[in-house]
Amino acid sequence: MASSSKQNRVIHLGPENPSLLRFQNIHVSEHICDGWDHPILKVRKSQFIPAGLDGILEEILPHLELVGFTGIAHVCQFPLDLSLITTLVEKWRLKTYTFHLPPGECTITLQDISVLLGLWIDGRPVIAPIRGNYVDIVEKSLRIRPSCDAFVGSFLKTSWLDQHFTHVAMHAQNPLQITQFVRAYMLQLIGGFMLSDHSNSRVLVKYLPLLQDLTITSEYSLGSVVLGVLYRNPCMATNIDRYSLGGLAVLLVMWAWDRFPFLAPGNPLHT
């Protein structure tokens, strides 16, 4: 009887019903159940973005407040817990876009985007069709004409933005120049932080026309785009052959610390 009782208490790794799980054969959780280690994921972020509000001069803060980007600028220096991010990705399910945790399923919502980051979640949909030549579009918005080498297909290299828009003093002669600097800075935030791709070194030119009139930019539901990209990137990162994560990964940490306070540094239960 004792032997039988012990056998009933054996914990079996893996799902009870694999047929309910999408792409389980390539999901990292399957890899772990087979006894393999899962390396800590790397997070993609452009190296050219100033770290937090301390790296931003007062001249551009009113513009960032207008479009609701001060929260994003602030969390650029937020600490990343890569082990926590990796664990959350291991719990992510592609079919439902939720984390499967012992208490049940949960996920990041638009409300979290609004509360934690201050991004707009209502308003105009973000639709950015490209009309015209990429070089002309950049020149119209930033008043500097890039060479063809500054592009990779429909992407503009963030290194080009850093080269020409590192110091706001170079663009603070009049309000128009400051606005141009703000557009370049916001484009870096979008491409290198908020919506970073596998390279984190480029940004789609199609976002630049959305920054042409900052009063209209403030009407777009940018929070919806951030959440959509954030949902897609953990889906890709669950593949056992992936070793990095794009999108606004810092939001995973902020959300986890907010929803599960015992995980946050400084909490008595945190180790």
Protein backbone atom coordinates (compact mmCIF):
# COMPACT_ATOMS: atom_id res chain seq x y z
CA MET A 1 0.00 0.00 0.00
CA ALA A 2 2.80 2.41 0.89
CA SER A 3 4.53 1.76 -2.42
CA SER A 4 1.29 2.34 -4.31
CA SER A 5 0.66 5.57 -2.40
CA LYS A 6 4.13 6.89 -3.29
CA GLN A 7 3.59 6.11 -6.96
CA ASN A 8 0.36 8.12 -6.93
CA ARG A 9 2.28 11.14 -5.67
CA VAL A 10 4.88 11.10 -8.46
CA ILE A 11 4.92 14.39 -10.39
CA HIS A 12 4.86 13.91 -14.14
CA LEU A 13 6.49 16.63 -16.20
CA GLY A 14 4.68 17.90 -19.24
CA PRO A 15 1.06 18.63 -20.16
CA GLU A 16 -1.77 16.30 -19.22
CA ASN A 17 -3.35 16.61 -22.67
CA PRO A 18 -0.83 17.68 -25.36
CA SER A 19 -3.54 17.75 -28.04
CA LEU A 20 -4.82 21.02 -26.56
CA LEU A 21 -1.48 22.79 -27.02
CA ARG A 22 -0.46 24.44 -30.27
CA PHE A 23 3.01 23.76 -31.71
CA GLN A 24 3.98 21.86 -28.55
CA ASN A 25 6.62 19.86 -30.45
CA ILE A 26 8.74 23.00 -30.95
CA HIS A 27 7.70 24.81 -27.76
CA VAL A 28 10.51 25.41 -25.30
CA SER A 29 8.48 23.72 -22.54
CA GLU A 30 8.70 20.44 -24.48
CA HIS A 31 12.46 20.94 -24.66
CA ILE A 32 12.60 21.42 -20.87
CA CYS A 33 10.43 18.36 -20.20
CA ASP A 34 12.91 16.31 -22.21
CA GLY A 35 15.60 17.28 -19.72
CA TRP A 36 17.34 20.04 -21.65
CA ASP A 37 18.40 23.37 -20.17
CA HIS A 38 16.85 26.53 -21.57
CA PRO A 39 19.39 29.37 -21.86
CA ILE A 40 18.48 32.80 -20.52
CA LEU A 41 16.98 34.89 -23.32
CA LYS A 42 18.64 38.05 -24.54
CA VAL A 43 16.52 41.19 -24.93
CA ARG A 44 16.90 43.39 -27.98
CA LYS A 45 17.22 47.12 -27.42
CA SER A 46 18.98 49.78 -29.45
CA GLN A 47 22.18 51.06 -27.88
CA PHE A 48 21.55 54.55 -29.23
CA ILE A 49 18.60 55.50 -27.01
CA PRO A 50 19.40 57.79 -24.03
CA ALA A 51 18.80 56.02 -20.73
CA GLY A 52 15.70 57.40 -19.08
CA LEU A 53 14.50 60.93 -18.48
CA ASP A 54 17.91 61.92 -17.11
CA GLY A 55 19.28 61.67 -20.65
CA ILE A 56 16.60 63.93 -22.14
CA LEU A 57 16.84 67.71 -22.13
CA GLU A 58 14.00 69.95 -21.03
CA GLU A 59 13.44 71.30 -24.54
CA ILE A 60 11.79 68.11 -25.77
CA LEU A 61 9.87 67.04 -22.65
CA PRO A 62 6.71 69.07 -23.48
CA HIS A 63 6.55 67.33 -26.87
CA LEU A 64 6.91 63.89 -25.28
CA GLU A 65 4.18 64.74 -22.79
CA LEU A 66 1.91 65.82 -25.66
CA VAL A 67 2.10 62.42 -27.36
CA GLY A 68 2.21 60.40 -24.13
CA PHE A 69 5.81 59.21 -24.52
CA THR A 70 7.24 60.33 -21.18
CA GLY A 71 6.44 56.97 -19.61
CA ILE A 72 8.25 55.14 -22.39
CA ALA A 73 11.25 57.46 -22.12
CA HIS A 74 11.37 56.88 -18.37
CA VAL A 75 11.38 53.06 -18.52
CA CYS A 76 14.35 53.01 -20.90
CA GLN A 77 16.48 52.70 -17.76
CA PHE A 78 14.18 50.21 -16.02
CA PRO A 79 16.13 47.14 -14.82
CA LEU A 80 15.56 43.94 -16.77
CA ASP A 81 15.23 40.63 -14.95
CA LEU A 82 16.21 38.32 -17.79
CA SER A 83 15.57 35.18 -15.75
CA LEU A 84 12.02 36.34 -15.04
CA ILE A 85 11.46 37.20 -18.71
CA THR A 86 12.74 33.77 -19.75
CA THR A 87 10.46 32.04 -17.25
CA LEU A 88 7.42 33.97 -18.49
CA VAL A 89 8.22 33.03 -22.09
CA GLU A 90 8.38 29.37 -21.05
CA LYS A 91 4.84 29.74 -19.68
CA TRP A 92 3.50 31.56 -22.78
CA ARG A 93 0.96 29.75 -24.97
CA LEU A 94 0.56 30.66 -28.62
CA LYS A 95 -3.08 29.72 -29.02
CA THR A 96 -4.47 31.96 -26.28
CA TYR A 97 -1.72 34.61 -25.87
CA THR A 98 -1.69 33.91 -22.15
CA PHE A 99 0.72 32.72 -19.48
CA HIS A 100 -0.18 29.29 -18.09
CA LEU A 101 0.62 29.54 -14.38
CA PRO A 102 -0.34 27.28 -11.45
CA PRO A 103 -3.24 29.55 -10.36
CA GLY A 104 -4.57 29.70 -13.94
CA GLU A 105 -4.18 31.71 -17.14
CA CYS A 106 -3.34 35.42 -17.18
CA THR A 107 -1.98 37.94 -19.65
CA ILE A 108 -0.98 41.56 -20.23
CA THR A 109 -3.88 43.77 -21.29
CA LEU A 110 -4.44 47.24 -22.74
CA GLN A 111 -5.23 48.42 -19.22
CA ASP A 112 -1.70 47.42 -18.16
CA ILE A 113 -0.29 49.35 -21.12
CA SER A 114 -2.19 52.46 -20.08
CA VAL A 115 -1.50 52.26 -16.34
CA LEU A 116 2.15 51.16 -16.43
CA LEU A 117 3.35 53.13 -19.46
CA GLY A 118 0.84 55.93 -19.97
CA LEU A 119 0.42 55.14 -23.67
CA TRP A 120 -2.87 55.90 -25.38
CA ILE A 121 -5.03 52.83 -25.96
CA ASP A 122 -8.01 54.61 -27.51
CA GLY A 123 -8.21 56.72 -30.63
CA ARG A 124 -7.11 56.32 -34.22
CA PRO A 125 -5.82 52.97 -35.47
CA VAL A 126 -2.15 53.04 -36.40
CA ILE A 127 -2.16 52.64 -40.17
CA ALA A 128 0.95 53.84 -41.93
CA PRO A 129 0.91 53.36 -45.71
CA ILE A 130 4.03 54.57 -47.48
CA ARG A 131 3.56 57.08 -50.28
CA GLY A 132 6.69 58.33 -51.98
CA ASN A 133 10.41 57.77 -51.85
CA TYR A 134 11.95 56.81 -48.49
CA VAL A 135 14.72 59.38 -48.82
CA ASP A 136 12.19 62.14 -49.50
CA ILE A 137 10.03 61.08 -46.55
CA VAL A 138 12.97 61.26 -44.14
CA GLU A 139 14.12 64.60 -45.54
CA LYS A 140 10.63 66.08 -45.24
CA SER A 141 10.31 65.15 -41.56
CA LEU A 142 13.88 65.57 -40.33
CA ARG A 143 15.29 68.16 -42.79
CA ILE A 144 18.36 66.04 -43.46
CA ARG A 145 18.64 64.02 -46.64
CA PRO A 146 20.05 60.55 -45.97
CA SER A 147 22.08 58.58 -48.47
CA CYS A 148 20.88 55.24 -49.79
CA ASP A 149 23.36 53.54 -47.43
CA ALA A 150 21.22 54.68 -44.48
CA PHE A 151 18.47 52.25 -45.48
CA VAL A 152 17.97 48.50 -45.34
CA GLY A 153 14.99 47.93 -47.58
CA SER A 154 12.09 49.86 -46.03
CA PHE A 155 14.03 50.38 -42.78
CA LEU A 156 16.13 53.36 -41.68
CA LYS A 157 19.24 52.51 -39.66
CA THR A 158 19.12 53.78 -36.08
CA SER A 159 22.87 54.42 -36.33
CA TRP A 160 22.07 57.15 -38.90
CA LEU A 161 19.61 58.72 -36.47
CA ASP A 162 22.21 58.60 -33.72
CA GLN A 163 24.82 60.19 -35.97
CA HIS A 164 22.66 63.20 -36.78
CA PHE A 165 20.42 63.57 -33.73
CA THR A 166 22.51 62.75 -30.67
CA HIS A 167 22.80 66.28 -29.26
CA VAL A 168 19.68 68.41 -29.01
CA ALA A 169 21.85 71.56 -28.87
CA MET A 170 22.58 71.06 -32.57
CA HIS A 171 18.84 71.33 -33.29
CA ALA A 172 17.68 73.92 -30.74
CA GLN A 173 18.01 77.09 -32.80
CA ASN A 174 14.24 77.43 -33.27
CA PRO A 175 11.01 75.51 -32.46
CA LEU A 176 10.99 73.81 -35.87
CA GLN A 177 14.43 72.28 -35.29
CA ILE A 178 13.41 71.07 -31.84
CA THR A 179 10.35 69.39 -33.36
CA GLN A 180 12.59 67.66 -35.89
CA PHE A 181 14.79 66.39 -33.07
CA VAL A 182 11.71 65.12 -31.21
CA ARG A 183 10.60 63.18 -34.31
CA ALA A 184 14.03 61.55 -34.58
CA TYR A 185 14.08 60.68 -30.87
CA MET A 186 10.57 59.19 -31.00
CA LEU A 187 11.52 57.19 -34.08
CA GLN A 188 14.46 55.75 -32.14
CA LEU A 189 12.14 54.85 -29.27
CA ILE A 190 9.72 53.14 -31.64
CA GLY A 191 12.27 51.15 -33.62
CA GLY A 192 14.85 50.44 -30.95
CA PHE A 193 12.71 49.93 -27.87
CA MET A 194 8.92 49.82 -28.23
CA LEU A 195 8.69 47.76 -31.42
CA SER A 196 12.21 46.39 -31.73
CA ASP A 197 12.73 43.60 -34.25
CA HIS A 198 15.35 40.85 -34.43
CA SER A 199 18.10 43.34 -35.36
CA ASN A 200 17.20 46.24 -32.98
CA SER A 201 19.29 48.44 -35.28
CA ARG A 202 16.65 49.80 -37.63
CA VAL A 203 13.14 51.25 -37.76
CA LEU A 204 10.47 51.19 -40.43
CA VAL A 205 10.26 54.47 -42.33
CA LYS A 206 6.48 54.13 -42.44
CA TYR A 207 6.23 55.32 -38.82
CA LEU A 208 7.80 58.70 -39.61
CA PRO A 209 4.75 60.27 -41.34
CA LEU A 210 2.75 59.49 -38.19
CA LEU A 211 5.07 61.86 -36.32
CA GLN A 212 4.69 64.73 -38.78
CA ASP A 213 2.04 66.53 -36.69
CA LEU A 214 2.56 65.71 -33.02
CA THR A 215 -0.91 66.93 -32.05
CA ILE A 216 -2.33 64.26 -34.37
CA THR A 217 0.24 61.71 -33.17
CA SER A 218 -1.28 62.02 -29.70
CA GLU A 219 -4.59 60.75 -31.11
CA TYR A 220 -3.21 57.38 -32.26
CA SER A 221 -3.68 54.20 -30.24
CA LEU A 222 0.03 53.45 -29.99
CA GLY A 223 -0.55 51.29 -26.93
CA SER A 224 -2.49 48.82 -29.07
CA VAL A 225 0.48 48.46 -31.42
CA VAL A 226 2.89 47.91 -28.53
CA LEU A 227 0.66 45.19 -27.09
CA GLY A 228 0.22 43.48 -30.47
CA VAL A 229 3.97 43.36 -31.05
CA LEU A 230 4.55 42.20 -27.49
CA TYR A 231 2.12 39.31 -28.02
CA ARG A 232 3.87 38.26 -31.23
CA ASN A 233 7.42 38.25 -29.88
CA PRO A 234 6.92 35.75 -27.01
CA CYS A 235 5.20 33.50 -29.56
CA MET A 236 8.40 33.47 -31.60
CA ALA A 237 10.62 33.21 -28.51
CA THR A 238 8.89 30.00 -27.37
CA ASN A 239 10.57 28.23 -30.30
CA ILE A 240 13.39 26.08 -28.94
CA ASP A 241 15.77 27.55 -31.53
CA ARG A 242 15.24 31.16 -30.40
CA TYR A 243 17.62 32.87 -28.00
CA SER A 244 16.38 36.46 -27.93
CA LEU A 245 13.19 38.46 -27.49
CA GLY A 246 12.00 41.60 -29.28
CA GLY A 247 9.23 44.04 -28.49
CA LEU A 248 8.86 46.00 -25.27
CA ALA A 249 10.28 43.28 -23.01
CA VAL A 250 10.55 45.65 -20.06
CA LEU A 251 6.76 45.56 -19.87
CA LEU A 252 6.92 41.85 -19.00
CA VAL A 253 8.99 42.67 -15.93
CA MET A 254 6.85 45.66 -14.92
CA TRP A 255 3.67 43.63 -15.31
CA ALA A 256 5.02 40.68 -13.31
CA TRP A 257 6.25 42.90 -10.47
CA ASP A 258 2.90 44.71 -10.40
CA ARG A 259 0.72 41.59 -10.49
CA PHE A 260 3.00 39.41 -8.36
CA PRO A 261 4.60 41.85 -5.86
CA PHE A 262 6.53 39.08 -4.10
CA LEU A 263 8.72 38.84 -7.22
CA ALA A 264 9.81 42.48 -7.08
CA PRO A 265 13.18 43.50 -5.59
CA GLY A 266 12.84 44.96 -2.13
CA ASN A 267 9.95 42.71 -1.21
CA PRO A 268 10.68 40.64 1.92
CA LEU A 269 9.80 37.45 0.03
CA HIS A 270 12.09 38.27 -2.89
CA THR A 271 15.32 36.27 -3.01
